[in-house]
C-alpha atoms as a PDB file:
ATOM      1  CA  MET A   1       0.000   0.000   0.000  1.00  0.00           C
ATOM      2  CA  ALA A   2       1.390   3.404  -1.013  1.00  0.00           C
ATOM      3  CA  SER A   3       2.068   5.937   1.703  1.00  0.00           C
ATOM      4  CA  ARG A   4       0.102   9.181   1.498  1.00  0.00           C
ATOM      5  CA  ILE A   5       1.230  12.381   3.144  1.00  0.00           C
ATOM      6  CA  SER A   6      -1.432  13.626   5.502  1.00  0.00           C
ATOM      7  CA  PRO A   7      -2.512  17.262   5.052  1.00  0.00           C
ATOM      8  CA  LEU A   8      -1.927  17.524   8.809  1.00  0.00           C
ATOM      9  CA  ASP A   9       1.716  16.579   8.299  1.00  0.00           C
ATOM     10  CA  ASN A  10       3.776  19.393   9.808  1.00  0.00           C
ATOM     11  CA  SER A  11       5.732  19.911   6.580  1.00  0.00           C
ATOM     12  CA  GLN A  12       2.488  20.420   4.659  1.00  0.00           C
ATOM     13  CA  VAL A  13       1.204  22.918   7.227  1.00  0.00           C
ATOM     14  CA  ALA A  14       4.601  24.664   7.199  1.00  0.00           C
ATOM     15  CA  GLY A  15       4.386  25.025   3.417  1.00  0.00           C
ATOM     16  CA  ARG A  16       0.962  26.628   3.687  1.00  0.00           C
ATOM     17  CA  LEU A  17       2.254  29.011   6.348  1.00  0.00           C
ATOM     18  CA  ARG A  18       5.129  30.020   4.098  1.00  0.00           C
ATOM     19  CA  LEU A  19       2.712  30.654   1.202  1.00  0.00           C
ATOM     20  CA  LEU A  20       0.469  32.699   3.449  1.00  0.00           C
ATOM     21  CA  ARG A  21       3.375  34.848   4.595  1.00  0.00           C
ATOM     22  CA  PHE A  22       4.461  35.506   1.002  1.00  0.00           C
ATOM     23  CA  ALA A  23       0.902  36.318  -0.063  1.00  0.00           C
ATOM     24  CA  VAL A  24       0.285  38.694   2.841  1.00  0.00           C
ATOM     25  CA  SER A  25       3.617  40.398   3.471  1.00  0.00           C
ATOM     26  CA  GLY A  26       5.811  39.719   0.472  1.00  0.00           C
ATOM     27  CA  GLY A  27       8.089  37.306   2.232  1.00  0.00           C
ATOM     28  CA  ASN A  28       9.618  39.027   5.245  1.00  0.00           C
ATOM     29  CA  GLN A  29       9.268  36.733   8.291  1.00  0.00           C
ATOM     30  CA  THR A  30      10.087  39.462  10.806  1.00  0.00           C
ATOM     31  CA  ALA A  31       7.478  41.865   9.411  1.00  0.00           C
ATOM     32  CA  PHE A  32       4.881  39.110   9.220  1.00  0.00           C
ATOM     33  CA  ALA A  33       5.526  38.019  12.816  1.00  0.00           C
ATOM     34  CA  ALA A  34       5.267  41.649  13.940  1.00  0.00           C
ATOM     35  CA  LYS A  35       1.928  41.954  12.151  1.00  0.00           C
ATOM     36  CA  LEU A  36       0.715  38.975  14.170  1.00  0.00           C
ATOM     37  CA  GLY A  37       2.272  40.219  17.386  1.00  0.00           C
ATOM     38  CA  ILE A  38       4.516  37.190  17.909  1.00  0.00           C
ATOM     39  CA  GLU A  39       8.265  36.680  18.037  1.00  0.00           C
ATOM     40  CA  PRO A  40       9.918  36.100  14.631  1.00  0.00           C
ATOM     41  CA  ARG A  41      11.691  33.038  16.026  1.00  0.00           C
ATOM     42  CA  ARG A  42       8.354  31.479  16.955  1.00  0.00           C
ATOM     43  CA  TRP A  43       7.001  32.065  13.448  1.00  0.00           C
ATOM     44  CA  ASN A  44      10.182  30.645  11.938  1.00  0.00           C
ATOM     45  CA  ASN A  45       9.762  27.483  14.012  1.00  0.00           C
ATOM     46  CA  PHE A  46       6.291  26.940  12.535  1.00  0.00           C
ATOM     47  CA  GLU A  47       7.622  27.399   9.004  1.00  0.00           C
ATOM     48  CA  ARG A  48      10.396  24.909   9.741  1.00  0.00           C
ATOM     49  CA  GLY A  49       7.876  22.226  10.686  1.00  0.00           C
ATOM     50  CA  SER A  50       7.070  22.681  14.359  1.00  0.00           C
ATOM     51  CA  PRO A  51       3.403  21.856  14.972  1.00  0.00           C
ATOM     52  CA  LEU A  52       1.134  24.858  14.449  1.00  0.00           C
ATOM     53  CA  SER A  53      -0.460  25.700  17.782  1.00  0.00           C
ATOM     54  CA  LYS A  54      -4.182  26.222  18.036  1.00  0.00           C
ATOM     55  CA  GLU A  55      -3.469  29.662  19.500  1.00  0.00           C
ATOM     56  CA  ILE A  56      -1.534  30.830  16.421  1.00  0.00           C
ATOM     57  CA  ALA A  57      -3.945  29.183  13.984  1.00  0.00           C
ATOM     58  CA  ILE A  58      -6.830  31.103  15.536  1.00  0.00           C
ATOM     59  CA  LEU A  59      -4.754  34.294  15.548  1.00  0.00           C
ATOM     60  CA  LEU A  60      -4.097  33.862  11.808  1.00  0.00           C
ATOM     61  CA  ALA A  61      -7.796  33.286  11.131  1.00  0.00           C
ATOM     62  CA  GLN A  62      -8.674  36.413  13.117  1.00  0.00           C
ATOM     63  CA  ARG A  63      -6.027  38.734  11.677  1.00  0.00           C
ATOM     64  CA  ILE A  64      -5.947  37.689   8.015  1.00  0.00           C
ATOM     65  CA  PRO A  65      -9.277  38.021   6.221  1.00  0.00           C
ATOM     66  CA  GLY A  66     -10.453  34.780   4.681  1.00  0.00           C
ATOM     67  CA  VAL A  67      -7.927  32.426   6.292  1.00  0.00           C
ATOM     68  CA  SER A  68      -9.628  29.326   7.637  1.00  0.00           C
ATOM     69  CA  LEU A  69      -8.550  26.628  10.035  1.00  0.00           C
ATOM     70  CA  ASP A  70      -9.597  24.072   7.401  1.00  0.00           C
ATOM     71  CA  TRP A  71      -7.018  25.489   5.027  1.00  0.00           C
ATOM     72  CA  LEU A  72      -4.269  25.913   7.615  1.00  0.00           C
ATOM     73  CA  TYR A  73      -4.509  22.380   8.978  1.00  0.00           C
ATOM     74  CA  LEU A  74      -6.134  20.396   6.170  1.00  0.00           C
ATOM     75  CA  GLY A  75      -5.266  22.298   3.002  1.00  0.00           C
ATOM     76  CA  LYS A  76      -8.922  22.705   1.971  1.00  0.00           C
ATOM     77  CA  VAL A  77      -8.858  25.602  -0.484  1.00  0.00           C
ATOM     78  CA  GLU A  78     -12.634  25.453  -0.846  1.00  0.00           C
ATOM     79  CA  ALA A  79     -12.858  27.181   2.530  1.00  0.00           C
ATOM     80  CA  LEU A  80     -10.971  30.245   1.244  1.00  0.00           C
ATOM     81  CA  PRO A  81     -12.377  33.234  -0.624  1.00  0.00           C
ATOM     82  CA  PHE A  82     -11.458  33.255  -4.298  1.00  0.00           C
ATOM     83  CA  ALA A  83      -9.273  36.372  -3.942  1.00  0.00           C
ATOM     84  CA  LEU A  84      -7.149  34.729  -1.249  1.00  0.00           C
ATOM     85  CA  GLN A  85      -6.915  31.519  -3.279  1.00  0.00           C
ATOM     86  CA  ARG A  86      -5.557  33.582  -6.163  1.00  0.00           C
ATOM     87  CA  GLU A  87      -3.050  35.434  -3.944  1.00  0.00           C
ATOM     88  CA  LEU A  88      -1.782  32.124  -2.558  1.00  0.00           C
ATOM     89  CA  GLU A  89      -1.491  30.674  -6.056  1.00  0.00           C
ATOM     90  CA  LEU A  90       0.565  33.681  -7.187  1.00  0.00           C
ATOM     91  CA  ALA A  91       2.728  33.456  -4.057  1.00  0.00           C
ATOM     92  CA  GLY A  92       3.337  29.777  -4.817  1.00  0.00           C
ATOM     93  CA  LYS A  93       4.489  30.588  -8.323  1.00  0.00           C
ATOM     94  CA  ALA A  94       6.771  33.346  -7.044  1.00  0.00           C
ATOM     95  CA  THR A  95       8.360  31.137  -4.396  1.00  0.00           C
ATOM     96  CA  ARG A  96       8.900  28.290  -6.861  1.00  0.00           C
ATOM     97  CA  SER A  97      10.584  30.720  -9.280  1.00  0.00           C
ATOM     98  CA  ALA A  98      12.798  32.096  -6.517  1.00  0.00           C
ATOM     99  CA  ASP A  99      13.698  28.577  -5.358  1.00  0.00           C
ATOM    100  CA  ALA A 100      14.576  27.556  -8.925  1.00  0.00           C
ATOM    101  CA  GLU A 101      16.873  30.574  -9.326  1.00  0.00           C
ATOM    102  CA  THR A 102      18.735  29.905  -6.080  1.00  0.00           C
ATOM    103  CA  GLY A 103      18.767  26.117  -6.222  1.00  0.00           C
END
């Protein structure tokens, strides 16, 4: 039986957090953490695969219009407004291009 990566897998959640940061703040972790009112190191830990706490997930849903817990934890894009889906898609393309140039 083939192994499937769970959407709850910390690396999958971390990837969504990275996309969200790029879509909302253009990529600066420190500025994004400041916008949320948390320490940059704490945000960095989430992006590096530490489990996303319920506290921060709720904070994201409260502070960023359209962000849902279903998307953060499960990757369900259907729960997001179309405009945010589009912003995340564009952020994904930008990050893949940047990764290709540096890697």
